[in-house]
N, C-alpha and C. Protein backbone atom coordinates (compact mmCIF):
# COMPACT_ATOMS: atom_id res chain seq x y z
N UNK A 1 -15.66 21.74 1.60
CA UNK A 1 -14.33 22.22 1.96
C UNK A 1 -13.87 23.13 0.88
N UNK A 2 -13.76 24.35 1.19
CA UNK A 2 -13.29 25.37 0.17
C UNK A 2 -11.96 24.96 -0.43
N UNK A 3 -11.90 25.07 -1.80
CA UNK A 3 -10.69 24.80 -2.48
C UNK A 3 -10.43 23.32 -2.82
N UNK A 4 -11.29 22.45 -2.38
CA UNK A 4 -11.15 21.04 -2.69
C UNK A 4 -12.40 20.57 -3.49
N UNK A 5 -12.14 19.89 -4.60
CA UNK A 5 -13.29 19.32 -5.32
C UNK A 5 -13.69 18.03 -4.64
N UNK A 6 -14.96 17.89 -4.42
CA UNK A 6 -15.45 16.67 -3.80
C UNK A 6 -16.47 16.01 -4.77
N UNK A 7 -16.23 14.76 -5.01
CA UNK A 7 -17.14 13.96 -5.89
C UNK A 7 -18.40 13.78 -5.10
N UNK A 8 -19.58 14.20 -5.68
CA UNK A 8 -20.77 14.05 -5.00
C UNK A 8 -21.36 12.67 -4.85
N UNK A 9 -20.89 11.74 -5.65
CA UNK A 9 -21.37 10.40 -5.55
C UNK A 9 -20.22 9.50 -5.15
N UNK A 10 -20.20 9.20 -3.85
CA UNK A 10 -19.08 8.36 -3.37
C UNK A 10 -19.08 6.99 -3.90
N UNK A 11 -17.86 6.48 -4.18
CA UNK A 11 -17.76 5.16 -4.64
C UNK A 11 -17.64 4.23 -3.43
N UNK A 12 -18.12 2.99 -3.55
CA UNK A 12 -17.87 2.07 -2.47
C UNK A 12 -16.89 1.04 -3.02
N UNK A 13 -16.19 0.39 -2.11
CA UNK A 13 -15.18 -0.50 -2.51
C UNK A 13 -15.59 -1.91 -2.82
N UNK A 14 -14.79 -2.67 -3.52
CA UNK A 14 -15.10 -4.09 -3.70
C UNK A 14 -14.80 -4.87 -2.41
N UNK A 15 -14.21 -4.19 -1.44
CA UNK A 15 -13.95 -4.87 -0.14
C UNK A 15 -15.32 -5.16 0.60
N UNK A 16 -16.27 -4.49 0.29
CA UNK A 16 -17.57 -4.61 0.91
C UNK A 16 -18.55 -3.66 0.37
N UNK A 17 -19.77 -3.78 0.68
CA UNK A 17 -20.78 -2.84 0.20
C UNK A 17 -20.92 -1.80 1.32
N UNK A 18 -21.78 -0.80 0.99
CA UNK A 18 -21.98 0.18 2.00
C UNK A 18 -22.87 -0.41 3.12
N UNK A 19 -23.06 0.34 4.14
CA UNK A 19 -23.91 -0.12 5.24
C UNK A 19 -25.31 -0.54 4.72
N UNK A 20 -25.96 -1.45 5.44
CA UNK A 20 -27.34 -1.81 5.09
C UNK A 20 -28.31 -0.73 5.35
N UNK A 21 -28.00 0.09 6.33
CA UNK A 21 -28.86 1.21 6.69
C UNK A 21 -28.31 2.53 6.23
N UNK A 22 -29.14 3.46 5.87
CA UNK A 22 -28.64 4.77 5.39
C UNK A 22 -28.09 5.53 6.57
N UNK A 23 -27.22 6.53 6.22
CA UNK A 23 -26.49 7.25 7.27
C UNK A 23 -27.40 8.04 8.22
N UNK A 24 -28.61 8.38 7.78
CA UNK A 24 -29.56 9.10 8.64
C UNK A 24 -30.45 8.18 9.40
N UNK A 25 -30.18 6.86 9.40
CA UNK A 25 -30.93 5.83 10.21
C UNK A 25 -29.97 4.84 10.79
N UNK A 26 -28.77 5.21 10.96
CA UNK A 26 -27.65 4.30 11.39
C UNK A 26 -27.35 4.49 12.88
N UNK A 27 -27.33 3.35 13.57
CA UNK A 27 -27.14 3.37 14.99
C UNK A 27 -25.91 2.43 15.33
N UNK A 28 -25.54 2.44 16.63
CA UNK A 28 -24.49 1.60 17.09
C UNK A 28 -24.53 0.18 16.55
N UNK A 29 -25.71 -0.44 16.54
CA UNK A 29 -25.96 -1.80 16.11
C UNK A 29 -25.60 -2.07 14.71
N UNK A 30 -25.46 -1.04 13.86
CA UNK A 30 -25.18 -1.13 12.45
C UNK A 30 -23.69 -1.20 12.13
N UNK A 31 -22.83 -1.01 13.22
CA UNK A 31 -21.36 -1.04 13.01
C UNK A 31 -20.86 -2.40 13.50
N UNK A 32 -20.27 -3.15 12.60
CA UNK A 32 -19.84 -4.54 12.84
C UNK A 32 -18.35 -4.71 12.77
N UNK A 33 -17.69 -5.21 13.82
CA UNK A 33 -16.25 -5.42 13.68
C UNK A 33 -15.84 -6.19 12.52
N UNK A 34 -14.80 -5.77 11.91
CA UNK A 34 -14.29 -6.41 10.75
C UNK A 34 -14.76 -5.88 9.40
N UNK A 35 -15.87 -5.10 9.44
CA UNK A 35 -16.41 -4.52 8.28
C UNK A 35 -15.49 -3.41 7.69
N UNK A 36 -15.35 -3.33 6.40
CA UNK A 36 -14.53 -2.32 5.71
C UNK A 36 -15.34 -1.59 4.69
N UNK A 37 -15.24 -0.30 4.76
CA UNK A 37 -16.06 0.62 3.83
C UNK A 37 -15.06 1.54 3.15
N UNK A 38 -15.24 1.80 1.90
CA UNK A 38 -14.42 2.78 1.18
C UNK A 38 -15.31 3.81 0.51
N UNK A 39 -14.92 5.04 0.55
CA UNK A 39 -15.61 6.17 -0.08
C UNK A 39 -14.58 7.03 -0.75
N UNK A 40 -14.86 7.62 -1.82
CA UNK A 40 -13.98 8.54 -2.50
C UNK A 40 -14.71 9.27 -3.61
N UNK A 41 -14.11 10.13 -4.16
CA UNK A 41 -12.79 10.68 -4.17
C UNK A 41 -12.87 12.15 -3.83
N UNK A 42 -11.79 12.67 -3.21
CA UNK A 42 -11.61 14.10 -3.05
C UNK A 42 -10.31 14.51 -3.84
N UNK A 43 -10.42 15.52 -4.60
CA UNK A 43 -9.17 15.98 -5.34
C UNK A 43 -8.69 17.16 -4.57
N UNK A 44 -7.42 17.09 -4.20
CA UNK A 44 -6.76 18.16 -3.43
C UNK A 44 -6.15 19.16 -4.43
N UNK A 45 -6.45 20.41 -4.24
CA UNK A 45 -5.93 21.47 -5.15
C UNK A 45 -4.86 22.26 -4.51
N UNK A 46 -4.02 22.88 -5.36
CA UNK A 46 -2.98 23.82 -4.85
C UNK A 46 -3.60 24.95 -4.04
N UNK A 47 -4.70 25.53 -4.59
CA UNK A 47 -5.33 26.62 -3.93
C UNK A 47 -5.89 26.19 -2.59
N UNK A 48 -6.43 25.00 -2.50
CA UNK A 48 -7.01 24.46 -1.26
C UNK A 48 -5.88 24.27 -0.16
N UNK A 49 -4.74 23.75 -0.65
CA UNK A 49 -3.62 23.51 0.23
C UNK A 49 -3.16 24.88 0.86
N UNK A 50 -2.94 25.82 -0.05
CA UNK A 50 -2.48 27.16 0.36
C UNK A 50 -3.45 27.89 1.30
N UNK A 51 -4.73 27.80 0.88
CA UNK A 51 -5.79 28.48 1.67
C UNK A 51 -5.85 27.91 3.11
N UNK A 52 -5.87 26.63 3.24
CA UNK A 52 -5.92 25.96 4.57
C UNK A 52 -4.69 26.34 5.35
N UNK A 53 -3.52 26.22 4.74
CA UNK A 53 -2.26 26.45 5.46
C UNK A 53 -2.10 27.94 5.84
N UNK A 54 -2.51 28.87 5.03
CA UNK A 54 -2.42 30.31 5.38
C UNK A 54 -3.21 30.59 6.63
N UNK A 55 -4.28 29.87 6.77
CA UNK A 55 -5.19 30.07 7.98
C UNK A 55 -4.78 29.30 9.19
N UNK A 56 -4.23 28.02 9.02
CA UNK A 56 -3.99 27.17 10.16
C UNK A 56 -2.64 26.58 10.33
N UNK A 57 -1.84 26.57 9.28
CA UNK A 57 -0.51 25.95 9.33
C UNK A 57 0.47 26.65 8.41
N UNK A 58 0.79 27.97 8.68
CA UNK A 58 1.48 28.80 7.75
C UNK A 58 2.98 28.54 7.59
N UNK A 59 3.35 27.33 7.25
CA UNK A 59 4.72 27.02 6.93
C UNK A 59 4.94 27.03 5.43
N UNK A 60 6.15 27.51 5.04
CA UNK A 60 6.43 27.69 3.58
C UNK A 60 6.22 26.37 2.75
N UNK A 61 6.37 25.19 3.30
CA UNK A 61 6.17 23.91 2.54
C UNK A 61 4.67 23.79 2.19
N UNK A 62 3.84 24.60 2.93
CA UNK A 62 2.36 24.53 2.60
C UNK A 62 1.85 25.76 1.91
N UNK A 63 2.49 26.93 2.03
CA UNK A 63 1.95 28.19 1.61
C UNK A 63 2.68 28.77 0.35
N UNK A 64 3.91 28.38 0.12
CA UNK A 64 4.71 29.07 -0.88
C UNK A 64 5.28 28.03 -1.85
N UNK A 65 4.66 27.85 -3.05
CA UNK A 65 5.15 26.86 -4.03
C UNK A 65 6.60 27.04 -4.42
N UNK A 66 7.05 28.32 -4.51
CA UNK A 66 8.49 28.59 -4.94
C UNK A 66 9.36 28.08 -3.81
N UNK A 67 9.20 28.46 -2.56
CA UNK A 67 9.99 28.03 -1.50
C UNK A 67 9.90 26.48 -1.26
N UNK A 68 8.74 25.96 -1.44
CA UNK A 68 8.49 24.55 -1.27
C UNK A 68 9.29 23.68 -2.31
N UNK A 69 9.49 24.27 -3.41
CA UNK A 69 10.21 23.53 -4.52
C UNK A 69 11.64 23.23 -4.12
N UNK A 70 12.22 24.05 -3.27
CA UNK A 70 13.60 23.81 -2.84
C UNK A 70 13.65 23.19 -1.40
N UNK A 71 12.52 22.86 -0.88
CA UNK A 71 12.42 22.28 0.47
C UNK A 71 12.57 20.76 0.44
N UNK A 72 12.41 20.19 1.59
CA UNK A 72 12.67 18.72 1.78
C UNK A 72 11.72 17.81 0.95
N UNK A 73 10.59 18.34 0.58
CA UNK A 73 9.59 17.58 -0.20
C UNK A 73 9.56 17.84 -1.70
N UNK A 74 10.45 18.78 -2.09
CA UNK A 74 10.61 19.20 -3.54
C UNK A 74 9.33 19.61 -4.16
N UNK A 75 8.52 20.32 -3.39
CA UNK A 75 7.24 20.85 -3.91
C UNK A 75 6.24 21.05 -2.77
N UNK A 76 5.18 21.73 -3.13
CA UNK A 76 4.11 22.04 -2.21
C UNK A 76 3.45 20.79 -1.67
N UNK A 77 3.20 20.75 -0.39
CA UNK A 77 2.44 19.59 0.22
C UNK A 77 1.36 20.16 1.15
N UNK A 78 0.32 19.33 1.29
CA UNK A 78 -0.74 19.76 2.21
C UNK A 78 -0.25 19.63 3.68
N UNK A 79 -0.78 20.49 4.44
CA UNK A 79 -0.54 20.32 5.88
C UNK A 79 -1.18 19.01 6.43
N UNK A 80 -0.57 18.36 7.32
CA UNK A 80 -1.11 17.14 7.83
C UNK A 80 -2.50 17.36 8.44
N UNK A 81 -2.70 18.55 9.02
CA UNK A 81 -4.00 18.89 9.57
C UNK A 81 -5.08 19.13 8.55
N UNK A 82 -4.59 19.52 7.38
CA UNK A 82 -5.55 19.67 6.20
C UNK A 82 -6.01 18.26 5.75
N UNK A 83 -5.05 17.37 5.75
CA UNK A 83 -5.28 15.95 5.34
C UNK A 83 -6.26 15.29 6.40
N UNK A 84 -6.01 15.65 7.68
CA UNK A 84 -6.90 15.11 8.73
C UNK A 84 -8.30 15.66 8.57
N UNK A 85 -8.35 16.95 8.19
CA UNK A 85 -9.69 17.60 7.99
C UNK A 85 -10.43 17.01 6.82
N UNK A 86 -9.69 16.66 5.75
CA UNK A 86 -10.34 16.01 4.60
C UNK A 86 -10.93 14.60 5.05
N UNK A 87 -10.15 13.87 5.85
CA UNK A 87 -10.58 12.62 6.39
C UNK A 87 -11.90 12.78 7.17
N UNK A 88 -11.86 13.82 8.00
CA UNK A 88 -13.03 14.02 8.86
C UNK A 88 -14.30 14.33 8.04
N UNK A 89 -14.08 15.22 7.04
CA UNK A 89 -15.24 15.54 6.16
C UNK A 89 -15.79 14.27 5.51
N UNK A 90 -14.90 13.43 4.97
CA UNK A 90 -15.38 12.23 4.33
C UNK A 90 -16.04 11.26 5.26
N UNK A 91 -15.54 11.20 6.52
CA UNK A 91 -16.06 10.34 7.56
C UNK A 91 -17.47 10.80 7.92
N UNK A 92 -17.67 12.10 8.10
CA UNK A 92 -18.98 12.67 8.43
C UNK A 92 -19.97 12.50 7.25
N UNK A 93 -19.51 12.72 6.05
CA UNK A 93 -20.39 12.63 4.92
C UNK A 93 -20.89 11.24 4.60
N UNK A 94 -20.08 10.23 4.93
CA UNK A 94 -20.39 8.86 4.44
C UNK A 94 -20.38 7.76 5.49
N UNK A 95 -19.79 7.94 6.60
CA UNK A 95 -19.57 6.81 7.55
C UNK A 95 -20.25 7.04 8.87
N UNK A 96 -20.03 8.17 9.53
CA UNK A 96 -20.57 8.45 10.83
C UNK A 96 -22.11 8.77 10.75
N UNK A 97 -22.87 8.04 11.60
CA UNK A 97 -24.30 8.29 11.72
C UNK A 97 -24.59 9.78 11.84
N UNK A 98 -25.60 10.25 11.09
CA UNK A 98 -25.99 11.61 11.18
C UNK A 98 -26.97 11.81 12.42
N UNK A 99 -27.51 10.72 12.97
CA UNK A 99 -28.44 10.82 14.09
C UNK A 99 -27.94 10.26 15.35
N UNK A 100 -26.98 9.35 15.33
CA UNK A 100 -26.58 8.63 16.57
C UNK A 100 -25.17 8.99 16.98
N UNK A 101 -24.42 9.73 16.19
CA UNK A 101 -22.99 10.07 16.59
C UNK A 101 -23.07 11.05 17.82
N UNK A 102 -22.45 10.67 18.90
CA UNK A 102 -22.53 11.45 20.14
C UNK A 102 -21.28 12.26 20.47
N UNK A 103 -20.12 11.84 19.99
CA UNK A 103 -18.88 12.52 20.29
C UNK A 103 -17.73 11.52 20.17
N UNK A 104 -16.53 11.97 20.40
CA UNK A 104 -15.38 11.05 20.41
C UNK A 104 -14.55 11.39 21.67
N UNK A 105 -14.17 10.38 22.46
CA UNK A 105 -13.32 10.66 23.62
C UNK A 105 -11.83 10.80 23.24
N UNK A 106 -11.55 10.54 21.96
CA UNK A 106 -10.13 10.70 21.50
C UNK A 106 -9.71 9.96 20.29
N UNK A 107 -8.57 10.25 19.82
CA UNK A 107 -7.94 9.62 18.63
C UNK A 107 -6.53 9.07 19.10
N UNK A 108 -6.16 8.01 18.38
CA UNK A 108 -4.81 7.43 18.62
C UNK A 108 -4.15 7.10 17.36
N UNK A 109 -2.85 6.92 17.42
CA UNK A 109 -2.01 6.42 16.34
C UNK A 109 -2.11 7.22 15.00
N UNK A 110 -2.16 8.54 15.10
CA UNK A 110 -2.22 9.39 13.92
C UNK A 110 -0.89 9.27 13.13
N UNK A 111 -1.01 9.06 11.87
CA UNK A 111 0.20 8.89 11.02
C UNK A 111 0.07 9.64 9.64
N UNK A 112 1.14 10.18 9.10
CA UNK A 112 1.20 10.73 7.81
C UNK A 112 2.35 10.13 7.11
N UNK A 113 2.19 8.91 6.51
CA UNK A 113 3.34 8.23 5.92
C UNK A 113 3.84 8.80 4.65
N UNK A 114 3.05 9.53 3.93
CA UNK A 114 3.43 10.13 2.59
C UNK A 114 2.75 11.50 2.54
N UNK A 115 3.38 12.45 1.89
CA UNK A 115 2.77 13.80 1.75
C UNK A 115 1.62 13.77 0.74
N UNK A 116 0.69 14.67 0.95
CA UNK A 116 -0.42 14.91 0.00
C UNK A 116 -0.02 16.10 -0.82
N UNK A 117 -0.11 15.97 -2.19
CA UNK A 117 0.31 17.03 -3.10
C UNK A 117 -0.83 17.48 -3.96
N UNK A 118 -0.72 18.70 -4.56
CA UNK A 118 -1.74 19.20 -5.44
C UNK A 118 -2.04 18.13 -6.51
N UNK A 119 -3.35 17.98 -6.75
CA UNK A 119 -3.74 16.96 -7.77
C UNK A 119 -3.98 15.56 -7.21
N UNK A 120 -3.57 15.31 -6.01
CA UNK A 120 -3.84 13.97 -5.46
C UNK A 120 -5.36 13.84 -5.31
N UNK A 121 -5.80 12.58 -5.58
CA UNK A 121 -7.17 12.23 -5.37
C UNK A 121 -7.22 11.22 -4.22
N UNK A 122 -8.02 11.51 -3.24
CA UNK A 122 -7.95 10.70 -1.99
C UNK A 122 -9.25 9.96 -1.80
N UNK A 123 -9.14 8.81 -1.30
CA UNK A 123 -10.32 7.95 -0.90
C UNK A 123 -10.16 7.49 0.56
N UNK A 124 -11.28 7.34 1.16
CA UNK A 124 -11.34 6.94 2.62
C UNK A 124 -11.53 5.47 2.69
N UNK A 125 -10.80 4.73 3.56
CA UNK A 125 -11.08 3.38 3.92
C UNK A 125 -11.31 3.35 5.46
N UNK A 126 -12.52 2.90 5.86
CA UNK A 126 -12.85 2.84 7.29
C UNK A 126 -13.04 1.46 7.63
N UNK A 127 -12.23 0.95 8.60
CA UNK A 127 -12.28 -0.43 9.07
C UNK A 127 -12.73 -0.39 10.50
N UNK A 128 -13.81 -1.15 10.76
CA UNK A 128 -14.33 -1.18 12.08
C UNK A 128 -13.53 -2.26 12.91
N UNK A 129 -12.72 -1.76 13.82
CA UNK A 129 -11.80 -2.67 14.55
C UNK A 129 -12.52 -3.34 15.73
N UNK A 130 -13.38 -2.63 16.39
CA UNK A 130 -14.09 -3.20 17.53
C UNK A 130 -15.29 -2.38 17.90
N UNK A 131 -16.26 -2.99 18.61
CA UNK A 131 -17.41 -2.29 19.16
C UNK A 131 -17.64 -2.90 20.51
N UNK A 132 -18.20 -2.03 21.41
CA UNK A 132 -18.60 -2.54 22.71
C UNK A 132 -19.66 -1.58 23.26
N UNK A 133 -20.49 -2.17 24.12
CA UNK A 133 -21.48 -1.34 24.82
C UNK A 133 -20.81 -0.56 25.91
N UNK A 134 -21.34 0.60 26.15
CA UNK A 134 -20.82 1.41 27.29
C UNK A 134 -21.19 0.70 28.58
N UNK A 135 -20.20 0.76 29.53
CA UNK A 135 -20.45 0.10 30.85
C UNK A 135 -21.28 1.00 31.75
N UNK A 136 -21.13 2.32 31.52
CA UNK A 136 -21.76 3.29 32.37
C UNK A 136 -23.08 3.91 31.84
N UNK A 137 -23.23 3.88 30.51
CA UNK A 137 -24.42 4.40 29.90
C UNK A 137 -25.00 3.45 28.86
N UNK A 138 -25.96 2.75 29.29
CA UNK A 138 -26.50 1.60 28.45
C UNK A 138 -27.22 2.10 27.10
N UNK A 139 -27.41 3.37 26.97
CA UNK A 139 -28.05 3.89 25.78
C UNK A 139 -27.06 4.11 24.61
N UNK A 140 -25.79 3.72 24.79
CA UNK A 140 -24.79 3.93 23.78
C UNK A 140 -23.72 2.90 23.72
N UNK A 141 -22.91 2.92 22.70
CA UNK A 141 -21.78 2.07 22.56
C UNK A 141 -20.59 2.80 21.99
N UNK A 142 -19.46 2.15 22.03
CA UNK A 142 -18.27 2.64 21.48
C UNK A 142 -17.86 1.88 20.17
N UNK A 143 -17.46 2.63 19.17
CA UNK A 143 -17.05 2.05 17.87
C UNK A 143 -15.60 2.55 17.71
N UNK A 144 -14.65 1.61 17.54
CA UNK A 144 -13.29 1.88 17.22
C UNK A 144 -13.05 1.64 15.73
N UNK A 145 -12.59 2.68 15.10
CA UNK A 145 -12.39 2.62 13.65
C UNK A 145 -11.00 3.03 13.25
N UNK A 146 -10.35 2.29 12.40
CA UNK A 146 -9.13 2.77 11.70
C UNK A 146 -9.58 3.42 10.46
N UNK A 147 -9.21 4.71 10.34
CA UNK A 147 -9.57 5.44 9.09
C UNK A 147 -8.27 5.77 8.39
N UNK A 148 -8.34 5.43 7.12
CA UNK A 148 -7.12 5.69 6.26
C UNK A 148 -7.52 6.45 5.06
N UNK A 149 -6.64 7.32 4.57
CA UNK A 149 -6.72 7.92 3.28
C UNK A 149 -5.67 7.38 2.35
N UNK A 150 -6.07 7.01 1.19
CA UNK A 150 -5.19 6.50 0.09
C UNK A 150 -5.27 7.40 -1.08
N UNK A 151 -4.13 7.63 -1.73
CA UNK A 151 -4.21 8.45 -2.95
C UNK A 151 -4.49 7.60 -4.16
N UNK A 152 -4.57 8.31 -5.29
CA UNK A 152 -4.89 7.65 -6.54
C UNK A 152 -3.84 6.67 -7.05
N UNK A 153 -2.66 6.75 -6.52
CA UNK A 153 -1.58 5.76 -6.82
C UNK A 153 -1.53 4.67 -5.81
N UNK A 154 -2.55 4.53 -4.97
CA UNK A 154 -2.67 3.49 -3.95
C UNK A 154 -1.59 3.56 -2.88
N UNK A 155 -1.17 4.77 -2.59
CA UNK A 155 -0.26 5.06 -1.49
C UNK A 155 -1.04 5.48 -0.25
N UNK A 156 -0.73 4.94 0.87
CA UNK A 156 -1.33 5.39 2.17
C UNK A 156 -0.77 6.70 2.50
N UNK A 157 -1.61 7.71 2.73
CA UNK A 157 -1.19 9.04 3.06
C UNK A 157 -1.52 9.53 4.43
N UNK A 158 -2.49 8.76 5.07
CA UNK A 158 -2.94 9.20 6.41
C UNK A 158 -3.59 8.02 7.06
N UNK A 159 -3.40 7.88 8.38
CA UNK A 159 -4.16 6.89 9.13
C UNK A 159 -4.33 7.35 10.58
N UNK A 160 -5.42 6.93 11.14
CA UNK A 160 -5.75 7.30 12.54
C UNK A 160 -6.72 6.21 13.10
N UNK A 161 -6.59 6.05 14.41
CA UNK A 161 -7.54 5.11 15.06
C UNK A 161 -8.45 6.05 15.91
N UNK A 162 -9.77 5.93 15.61
CA UNK A 162 -10.75 6.82 16.26
C UNK A 162 -11.66 6.03 17.11
N UNK A 163 -12.10 6.58 18.24
CA UNK A 163 -13.15 6.00 19.08
C UNK A 163 -14.36 6.99 19.06
N UNK A 164 -15.48 6.41 18.74
CA UNK A 164 -16.69 7.27 18.72
C UNK A 164 -17.81 6.63 19.56
N UNK A 165 -18.51 7.50 20.27
CA UNK A 165 -19.77 7.09 20.98
C UNK A 165 -20.91 7.18 19.98
N UNK A 166 -21.71 6.17 19.96
CA UNK A 166 -22.85 6.14 19.07
C UNK A 166 -24.13 5.67 19.91
N UNK A 167 -25.24 6.36 19.71
CA UNK A 167 -26.44 5.94 20.45
C UNK A 167 -26.92 4.61 19.88
N UNK A 168 -27.50 3.83 20.84
CA UNK A 168 -28.07 2.53 20.41
C UNK A 168 -29.48 2.80 19.78
N UNK A 169 -29.88 1.86 18.94
CA UNK A 169 -31.17 1.96 18.28
C UNK A 169 -32.26 2.01 19.34
N UNK A 170 -33.18 2.95 19.24
CA UNK A 170 -34.30 2.97 20.22
C UNK A 170 -35.20 1.81 20.12
N UNK A 171 -35.60 1.26 21.21
CA UNK A 171 -36.43 0.03 21.27
C UNK A 171 -37.86 0.33 21.18
């Protein structure tokens, strides 16, 4: 992600270990309800905030540090869509199977409870809420995940409930 520093070695949380199977050998059967995984950190930069916003969300609170200083957040903040994109990148890099992820029929309950600011360091927490086999396509299942981003001060800055189709392990 241009403009954002990404730590090449993700940390895993004390809430649980990483998956037993590597991301390039992970299938539907490897996602278990109740499991919680954490990965981090991404440092959000002012240049990254401005670059993303100039292209996709050109509001002064995201593109102009001077104007943003007198705005409702008293400083530059990342676009919510930028924050969502950071979450997606972290999810793809560490959580979603690189071989079995088939698509998503949708997202629910998207929230931005606190703004993301230059210098914030973000970590991903992915909680598997539920899994079920597809009723119409027996070669896949659905995984419902609550994905959250937390900043370095332990503030929740983003959450979303995602549903993903994942292929079942070949027999």
